[in-house]
Every structure is written in structure tokens, then in C-alpha cells.
């Protein structure tokens, strides 16, 4: 009996070793070690609807010196219906802020992530109304995923501070002031590194009461995986309302690999590895119809991405670049 049990344990251990080796081989064979920085030629330009013949103008680079106070990146996929509500609220807030402080300057970059609807057309109406110094549209040649859209928007930004905000308008844009205050508090160092995450964690009890048991289990399971594998100390990694300094954006988005839903987790994983100060600020948030997330498939995809993020950095397939500097 003891011999049989020993043989069984040896067989299980051997099986586990084989599975681990196959997993390592799979990770190495299916992983590009470099961040996805490709950019189609058309993505280097934005359309100026106020100029004759809809002239195209080149985007600047995130590595250039800043020329504005704030850049707002709005990743958008098939958002022709929800985008106007978000932009109206955001631009109204920013215009009022500018009227109160004439030295304040801003831009909004709408990133159309390969939409099949009229997202670009809708966004260009705002460029025409407010001018391309305030509103620019980056239309991606094909869908990259939310992380890919945010990255390309960030790489085209001019602001000293950069914010990415979801196109659904679920977060009250005026809460930007709270994020700005927190960013100033946690950014005392000369390297100008800091990131502030809008957070819905304070709304969790209410959301649990409204969710089904299955979705609640999925939510807590995802939070556990985030904590266990990648990021600790941040209660809400997925809120689409994050503010950071230009230097932080350059450091993180030139190192980011994940293009889809779990990109926030890798972003914060990198920030913690680089010891960049992070804080959370409670924001006003309400659920908006039309979410692009498919409840089961998206959660499974994110769970897989979390495991792969951890494995790829642990195995050294992905490396953390701590030497990125602005020119």
C-alpha cells in the first residue's frame, strides 16, 4: 500500500513537472518580449476638419516636452451614442476650469479603436467645434483593445499630466479635481513620478446587493487573482479614470505589453515594481448601459491575462525597463 501511494505521488509530481515545463515553453513561444509599439502610418496623423481639404497634421510624441497642462485620453470602440454625453460633460468642465484660470490649457484625444460605427465622425464634430488644439481624433487602423488604444493615445499626448477616462461617462468628470489634489500630495520627488486611480471600491457593497450570486463570485475571484498574482494595496484596479504625470506615462506606456482589459493591472504592476507612488481616490460612478465587456468571456480572458502577466515577468520573458526618460 505504501509503495502504491509513493508511486502515485511520484506520478503526480512528474505530471506537475511536465505541465510546468510545457507551460514555460508555451509562454516563451507565444510571447513577444518587446512591448507592442507598432503604429500604422495613418495613426501618426490627426484630421483637422477646420482646415481646407481636411488637412492631416502629425501627432507629437510623449517623449517631447509638454506644451499643455492636461491631456485627456478617451479610448472608444463603437461609442457613437455614448461618446457625446461624455465629451459634453468633460469639455464643459475643462472650459469652465480654463475660464477660471486663463493659464490652464488642455486637450482631449479621442482614440477610435477600429470602430465599425461612426465614432470617428462624431468625435470630429467636436474637433470642428472646439478646434484641434482642444480636441483631436486618433483613428486606429484596426482594433487593438482598450489597452492598445490608451497606449497610442498616451504616446500622442502633449500634457504635463495625462488622464485616461472611459467613453461611457460613468465617472463624474468633475472628480478630476480630487485626483489632481491627490497627485500633488504624493508627488514630492524630483523624478515627477506618481499615479492616482479613481476608485469605486466604496460602492462595492451596494453593487454586490444588485448583482447575481454568479457575478459576485466572479468579481471576488478576479479581485483575489489581482491581489495574489500582481497588485496589492489597490482595491479597484479597473476603474477607467486614472491620472498620472507625463514622466509616469512615458515610463509605463513604453513598457506595457497587454492590449486588452487587463492592461490596468499590468500598468499598476509595473508602477509598484518601479516604486512609483500610487494612491486611490473615491469617485462618483454609475453604471451605463452598453458595456463592451461580455460577463463570462471577458472575466475568463482577464483571468488568463493575470496569470500570464505574472508568469512572463517571473520567467524574465518580459522585463521592466527603468531607464525610459523624456527628451
Protein backbone atom coordinates (compact mmCIF):
# COMPACT_ATOMS: atom_id res chain seq x y z
CA UNK A 1 0.00 0.00 0.00
CA UNK A 2 2.80 2.40 0.93
CA UNK A 3 4.61 1.57 -2.30
CA UNK A 4 1.48 2.22 -4.35
CA UNK A 5 0.91 5.56 -2.62
CA UNK A 6 4.55 6.51 -3.16
CA UNK A 7 4.29 5.62 -6.84
CA UNK A 8 1.14 7.70 -7.12
CA UNK A 9 2.82 10.70 -5.50
CA UNK A 10 5.80 10.32 -7.82
CA UNK A 11 3.48 10.13 -10.82
CA UNK A 12 1.62 13.28 -9.71
CA UNK A 13 4.89 15.14 -9.11
CA UNK A 14 6.20 14.07 -12.52
CA UNK A 15 2.94 15.14 -14.14
CA UNK A 16 3.09 18.53 -12.42
CA UNK A 17 6.69 18.99 -13.57
CA UNK A 18 5.75 18.13 -17.17
CA UNK A 19 2.81 20.56 -17.07
CA UNK A 20 5.09 23.29 -15.67
CA UNK A 21 7.71 22.71 -18.37
CA UNK A 22 5.06 22.75 -21.10
CA UNK A 23 3.62 25.97 -19.63
CA UNK A 24 7.05 27.60 -19.67
CA UNK A 25 7.61 26.51 -23.27
CA UNK A 26 4.16 27.82 -24.22
CA UNK A 27 4.84 31.19 -22.55
CA UNK A 28 8.18 31.58 -24.33
CA UNK A 29 6.85 30.50 -27.73
CA UNK A 30 3.72 32.68 -27.67
CA UNK A 31 5.19 35.84 -26.17
CA UNK A 32 6.75 38.83 -27.87
CA UNK A 33 9.38 40.04 -25.39
CA UNK A 34 9.07 43.65 -26.56
CA UNK A 35 6.11 45.98 -25.89
CA UNK A 36 3.72 46.36 -28.82
CA UNK A 37 4.79 49.79 -30.11
CA UNK A 38 3.80 49.30 -33.74
CA UNK A 39 1.96 52.17 -35.33
CA UNK A 40 0.44 52.27 -38.80
CA UNK A 41 1.35 55.31 -40.85
CA UNK A 42 -2.20 56.71 -40.74
CA UNK A 43 -2.05 56.64 -36.92
CA UNK A 44 0.72 59.23 -36.89
CA UNK A 45 -1.70 61.93 -38.01
CA UNK A 46 -4.95 63.55 -36.94
CA UNK A 47 -7.51 65.18 -39.20
CA UNK A 48 -8.09 68.92 -38.93
CA UNK A 49 -11.71 69.49 -40.02
CA UNK A 50 -11.28 73.25 -39.58
CA UNK A 51 -8.63 73.43 -42.33
CA UNK A 52 -9.17 73.36 -46.07
CA UNK A 53 -9.48 69.88 -47.58
CA UNK A 54 -9.49 68.30 -44.10
CA UNK A 55 -5.74 68.63 -43.73
CA UNK A 56 -3.82 65.98 -41.80
CA UNK A 57 -1.37 67.07 -39.12
CA UNK A 58 1.23 64.94 -37.29
CA UNK A 59 0.78 63.96 -33.67
CA UNK A 60 3.60 64.94 -31.31
CA UNK A 61 5.44 62.37 -29.18
CA UNK A 62 5.05 61.71 -25.47
CA UNK A 63 8.84 61.95 -25.26
CA UNK A 64 8.75 65.58 -26.37
CA UNK A 65 8.49 68.32 -23.77
CA UNK A 66 4.94 69.07 -22.64
CA UNK A 67 3.15 72.06 -24.13
CA UNK A 68 -0.16 71.81 -22.23
CA UNK A 69 -1.27 71.32 -18.64
CA UNK A 70 -3.56 68.34 -19.20
CA UNK A 71 -4.21 65.66 -21.81
CA UNK A 72 -7.37 63.54 -21.58
CA UNK A 73 -7.27 60.23 -23.43
CA UNK A 74 -10.66 58.70 -24.29
CA UNK A 75 -10.46 55.13 -25.68
CA UNK A 76 -13.57 54.50 -27.77
CA UNK A 77 -14.92 51.45 -29.56
CA UNK A 78 -18.33 51.74 -31.23
CA UNK A 79 -19.20 54.68 -28.99
CA UNK A 80 -21.16 56.94 -31.35
CA UNK A 81 -24.10 57.00 -28.90
CA UNK A 82 -22.36 57.30 -25.52
CA UNK A 83 -19.37 59.43 -26.53
CA UNK A 84 -21.24 62.77 -26.97
CA UNK A 85 -22.59 62.63 -23.41
CA UNK A 86 -19.10 62.03 -22.02
CA UNK A 87 -17.45 64.70 -24.17
CA UNK A 88 -20.10 67.30 -23.39
CA UNK A 89 -19.57 66.83 -19.65
CA UNK A 90 -15.77 66.67 -19.88
CA UNK A 91 -15.28 69.65 -22.18
CA UNK A 92 -17.80 71.77 -20.28
CA UNK A 93 -15.83 71.10 -17.08
CA UNK A 94 -12.48 71.85 -18.75
CA UNK A 95 -13.76 75.01 -20.41
CA UNK A 96 -15.08 76.30 -17.07
CA UNK A 97 -11.73 75.45 -15.48
CA UNK A 98 -9.98 77.47 -18.17
CA UNK A 99 -12.30 80.42 -17.69
CA UNK A 100 -11.37 80.40 -14.01
CA UNK A 101 -7.67 80.10 -14.79
CA UNK A 102 -6.61 81.56 -18.12
CA UNK A 103 -3.20 79.90 -17.96
CA UNK A 104 -4.75 76.41 -17.83
CA UNK A 105 -4.55 74.54 -21.14
CA UNK A 106 -5.90 71.14 -22.10
CA UNK A 107 -6.56 68.72 -24.92
CA UNK A 108 -8.89 65.76 -25.38
CA UNK A 109 -7.68 62.91 -27.59
CA UNK A 110 -10.45 60.56 -28.67
CA UNK A 111 -8.94 57.24 -29.76
CA UNK A 112 -11.26 55.36 -32.10
CA UNK A 113 -10.20 51.75 -31.58
CA UNK A 114 -11.15 50.47 -35.04
CA UNK A 115 -14.87 51.12 -34.56
CA UNK A 116 -17.44 49.81 -37.02
CA UNK A 117 -19.83 52.69 -36.38
CA UNK A 118 -19.49 56.48 -36.71
CA UNK A 119 -17.33 57.07 -33.62
CA UNK A 120 -14.68 58.98 -35.59
CA UNK A 121 -17.28 61.09 -37.38
CA UNK A 122 -18.94 62.02 -34.07
CA UNK A 123 -15.60 62.89 -32.45
CA UNK A 124 -14.54 65.02 -35.42
CA UNK A 125 -17.60 67.20 -34.88
CA UNK A 126 -16.04 68.20 -31.55
CA UNK A 127 -12.71 68.91 -33.27
CA UNK A 128 -14.58 71.15 -35.67
CA UNK A 129 -16.45 72.90 -32.86
CA UNK A 130 -13.58 73.43 -30.41
CA UNK A 131 -10.56 73.26 -32.74
CA UNK A 132 -7.77 70.70 -32.86
CA UNK A 133 -5.80 72.47 -30.15
CA UNK A 134 -8.51 71.22 -27.78
CA UNK A 135 -9.93 68.07 -29.41
CA UNK A 136 -8.05 65.62 -31.61
CA UNK A 137 -9.14 62.28 -33.01
CA UNK A 138 -6.77 59.33 -33.38
CA UNK A 139 -8.38 56.67 -35.57
CA UNK A 140 -6.69 53.28 -35.31
CA UNK A 141 -6.32 51.23 -38.48
CA UNK A 142 -7.67 48.18 -36.67
CA UNK A 143 -8.93 47.24 -33.24
CA UNK A 144 -6.14 46.94 -30.66
CA UNK A 145 -8.11 46.57 -27.45
CA UNK A 146 -8.60 49.16 -24.72
CA UNK A 147 -5.00 48.94 -23.51
CA UNK A 148 -3.64 49.40 -27.02
CA UNK A 149 -5.95 52.37 -27.63
CA UNK A 150 -4.96 54.07 -24.37
CA UNK A 151 -1.27 53.49 -25.07
CA UNK A 152 -1.39 55.09 -28.54
CA UNK A 153 -3.37 58.00 -27.16
CA UNK A 154 -0.83 58.49 -24.39
CA UNK A 155 2.07 58.37 -26.85
CA UNK A 156 0.43 61.25 -28.73
CA UNK A 157 -0.24 63.47 -25.69
CA UNK A 158 1.10 66.97 -25.00
CA UNK A 159 0.11 67.42 -21.34
CA UNK A 160 2.21 67.72 -18.19
CA UNK A 161 -0.44 65.50 -16.65
CA UNK A 162 -2.35 62.81 -18.51
CA UNK A 163 -5.70 61.26 -17.68
CA UNK A 164 -7.45 58.39 -19.36
CA UNK A 165 -11.21 58.31 -18.99
CA UNK A 166 -13.77 55.84 -20.30
CA UNK A 167 -16.02 56.97 -23.15
CA UNK A 168 -19.17 55.83 -21.37
CA UNK A 169 -19.07 58.77 -18.95
CA UNK A 170 -19.71 56.51 -15.96
CA UNK A 171 -17.38 58.57 -13.77
CA UNK A 172 -18.29 62.14 -12.92
CA UNK A 173 -15.62 64.17 -14.71
CA UNK A 174 -15.56 66.88 -12.04
CA UNK A 175 -13.90 64.31 -9.75
CA UNK A 176 -10.74 65.12 -11.69
CA UNK A 177 -10.15 67.85 -9.11
CA UNK A 178 -9.86 65.24 -6.36
CA UNK A 179 -7.38 63.25 -8.42
CA UNK A 180 -5.33 66.39 -9.11
CA UNK A 181 -5.15 67.21 -5.40
CA UNK A 182 -4.01 63.69 -4.57
CA UNK A 183 -1.43 63.71 -7.39
CA UNK A 184 0.12 66.86 -5.97
CA UNK A 185 0.25 65.36 -2.47
CA UNK A 186 2.04 62.14 -3.46
CA UNK A 187 4.45 63.66 -5.98
CA UNK A 188 7.18 65.34 -3.90
CA UNK A 189 10.19 63.83 -5.66
CA UNK A 190 12.24 65.43 -8.42
CA UNK A 191 11.62 62.48 -10.78
CA UNK A 192 7.99 63.64 -11.02
CA UNK A 193 6.55 60.13 -10.77
CA UNK A 194 3.05 59.49 -9.45
CA UNK A 195 -0.27 57.93 -10.44
CA UNK A 196 -3.75 58.38 -8.96
CA UNK A 197 -6.51 55.84 -9.55
CA UNK A 198 -10.17 56.71 -9.42
CA UNK A 199 -11.82 54.06 -7.27
CA UNK A 200 -15.28 52.51 -6.99
CA UNK A 201 -14.34 50.33 -4.02
CA UNK A 202 -16.58 52.36 -1.70
CA UNK A 203 -19.55 51.32 -3.87
CA UNK A 204 -18.80 47.62 -3.65
CA UNK A 205 -21.40 46.70 -1.01
CA UNK A 206 -24.15 48.37 -3.00
CA UNK A 207 -23.04 46.70 -6.24
CA UNK A 208 -22.94 43.28 -4.58
CA UNK A 209 -26.54 43.72 -3.47
CA UNK A 210 -27.58 44.35 -7.08
CA UNK A 211 -25.51 41.60 -8.72
CA UNK A 212 -26.37 37.94 -9.14
CA UNK A 213 -24.50 35.41 -6.98
CA UNK A 214 -22.58 34.17 -10.02
CA UNK A 215 -21.35 37.65 -11.00
CA UNK A 216 -20.45 38.37 -7.37
CA UNK A 217 -18.33 35.20 -7.22
CA UNK A 218 -16.62 36.20 -10.46
CA UNK A 219 -15.92 39.70 -9.11
CA UNK A 220 -14.39 38.47 -5.86
CA UNK A 221 -12.45 35.78 -7.73
CA UNK A 222 -10.96 38.41 -10.03
CA UNK A 223 -10.04 40.67 -7.08
CA UNK A 224 -8.32 37.71 -5.39
CA UNK A 225 -6.31 36.88 -8.53
CA UNK A 226 -5.23 40.51 -8.89
CA UNK A 227 -4.10 40.57 -5.25
CA UNK A 228 -2.48 37.13 -5.32
CA UNK A 229 -0.67 37.42 -8.66
CA UNK A 230 0.04 41.05 -9.47
CA UNK A 231 -1.08 44.10 -7.48
CA UNK A 232 -1.56 44.59 -3.75
CA UNK A 233 -2.77 47.67 -1.96
CA UNK A 234 -5.06 48.90 -4.77
CA UNK A 235 -8.68 47.93 -4.19
CA UNK A 236 -10.03 48.90 -7.61
CA UNK A 237 -7.55 48.36 -10.44
CA UNK A 238 -10.15 48.51 -13.22
CA UNK A 239 -11.77 51.94 -12.86
CA UNK A 240 -11.27 53.77 -16.15
CA UNK A 241 -10.28 57.09 -14.59
CA UNK A 242 -6.56 57.35 -13.87
CA UNK A 243 -4.35 60.45 -13.69
CA UNK A 244 -0.56 60.49 -13.83
CA UNK A 245 2.38 62.72 -14.59
CA UNK A 246 3.85 62.83 -18.08
CA UNK A 247 7.04 61.16 -16.87
CA UNK A 248 5.00 58.32 -15.35
CA UNK A 249 3.07 57.80 -18.59
CA UNK A 250 6.31 57.69 -20.59
CA UNK A 251 7.80 55.14 -18.19
CA UNK A 252 4.75 52.88 -18.04
CA UNK A 253 3.22 53.02 -21.51
CA UNK A 254 6.51 52.38 -23.30
CA UNK A 255 6.85 49.21 -21.21
CA UNK A 256 3.24 47.98 -21.33
CA UNK A 257 2.50 44.71 -23.17
CA UNK A 258 -1.16 43.89 -22.50
CA UNK A 259 -3.55 45.39 -25.04
CA UNK A 260 -6.93 44.39 -23.67
CA UNK A 261 -8.96 44.57 -20.46
CA UNK A 262 -6.21 43.57 -18.02
CA UNK A 263 -3.84 46.34 -19.12
CA UNK A 264 -4.71 48.34 -15.95
CA UNK A 265 -3.32 45.51 -13.83
CA UNK A 266 -0.03 45.37 -15.74
CA UNK A 267 0.17 49.16 -15.57
CA UNK A 268 -0.08 49.12 -11.77
CA UNK A 269 2.16 46.05 -11.51
CA UNK A 270 4.87 47.99 -13.35
CA UNK A 271 4.27 51.09 -11.22
CA UNK A 272 4.69 49.12 -8.00
CA UNK A 273 7.79 47.34 -9.33
CA UNK A 274 9.30 50.74 -10.19
CA UNK A 275 8.22 52.14 -6.78
CA UNK A 276 6.11 54.85 -8.39
CA UNK A 277 3.76 56.35 -5.76
CA UNK A 278 0.15 55.19 -6.22
CA UNK A 279 -2.98 56.32 -4.44
CA UNK A 280 -6.72 55.72 -4.81
CA UNK A 281 -9.42 58.37 -4.68
CA UNK A 282 -13.13 57.57 -4.38
CA UNK A 283 -15.09 58.82 -7.39
CA UNK A 284 -18.75 59.18 -8.22
CA UNK A 285 -19.65 56.37 -10.59
CA UNK A 286 -22.83 54.92 -12.04
CA UNK A 287 -23.30 52.04 -14.43
CA UNK A 288 -24.08 52.97 -18.01
CA UNK A 289 -25.85 50.68 -20.47
CA UNK A 290 -23.85 49.44 -23.44
CA UNK A 291 -20.79 47.93 -21.75
CA UNK A 292 -18.39 46.21 -24.18
CA UNK A 293 -17.48 43.56 -21.60
CA UNK A 294 -19.04 40.12 -22.05
CA UNK A 295 -19.56 38.97 -18.41
CA UNK A 296 -18.17 35.42 -18.61
CA UNK A 297 -15.80 35.59 -21.59
CA UNK A 298 -14.21 38.90 -20.52
CA UNK A 299 -13.63 37.70 -16.96
CA UNK A 300 -12.02 34.47 -18.20
CA UNK A 301 -9.85 36.46 -20.62
CA UNK A 302 -8.74 38.76 -17.83
CA UNK A 303 -8.04 35.85 -15.50
CA UNK A 304 -5.83 34.25 -18.15
CA UNK A 305 -4.05 37.56 -18.73
CA UNK A 306 -3.36 37.98 -15.00
CA UNK A 307 -1.71 34.56 -14.83
CA UNK A 308 0.33 35.26 -17.96
CA UNK A 309 1.42 38.69 -16.69
CA UNK A 310 2.83 37.09 -13.56
CA UNK A 311 4.46 34.19 -15.39
CA UNK A 312 6.02 36.32 -18.11
CA UNK A 313 7.65 38.73 -15.67
CA UNK A 314 8.64 35.95 -13.28
CA UNK A 315 10.32 33.99 -16.08
CA UNK A 316 12.00 37.09 -17.46
CA UNK A 317 10.22 36.91 -20.82
CA UNK A 318 9.03 40.46 -20.15
CA UNK A 319 11.49 42.81 -18.49
CA UNK A 320 10.84 46.01 -16.60
CA UNK A 321 12.58 48.97 -18.22
CA UNK A 322 13.52 51.50 -15.56
CA UNK A 323 15.60 53.75 -17.83
CA UNK A 324 12.96 55.42 -20.01
CA UNK A 325 13.41 59.18 -19.95
CA UNK A 326 11.78 62.13 -21.63
CA UNK A 327 13.94 64.07 -24.03
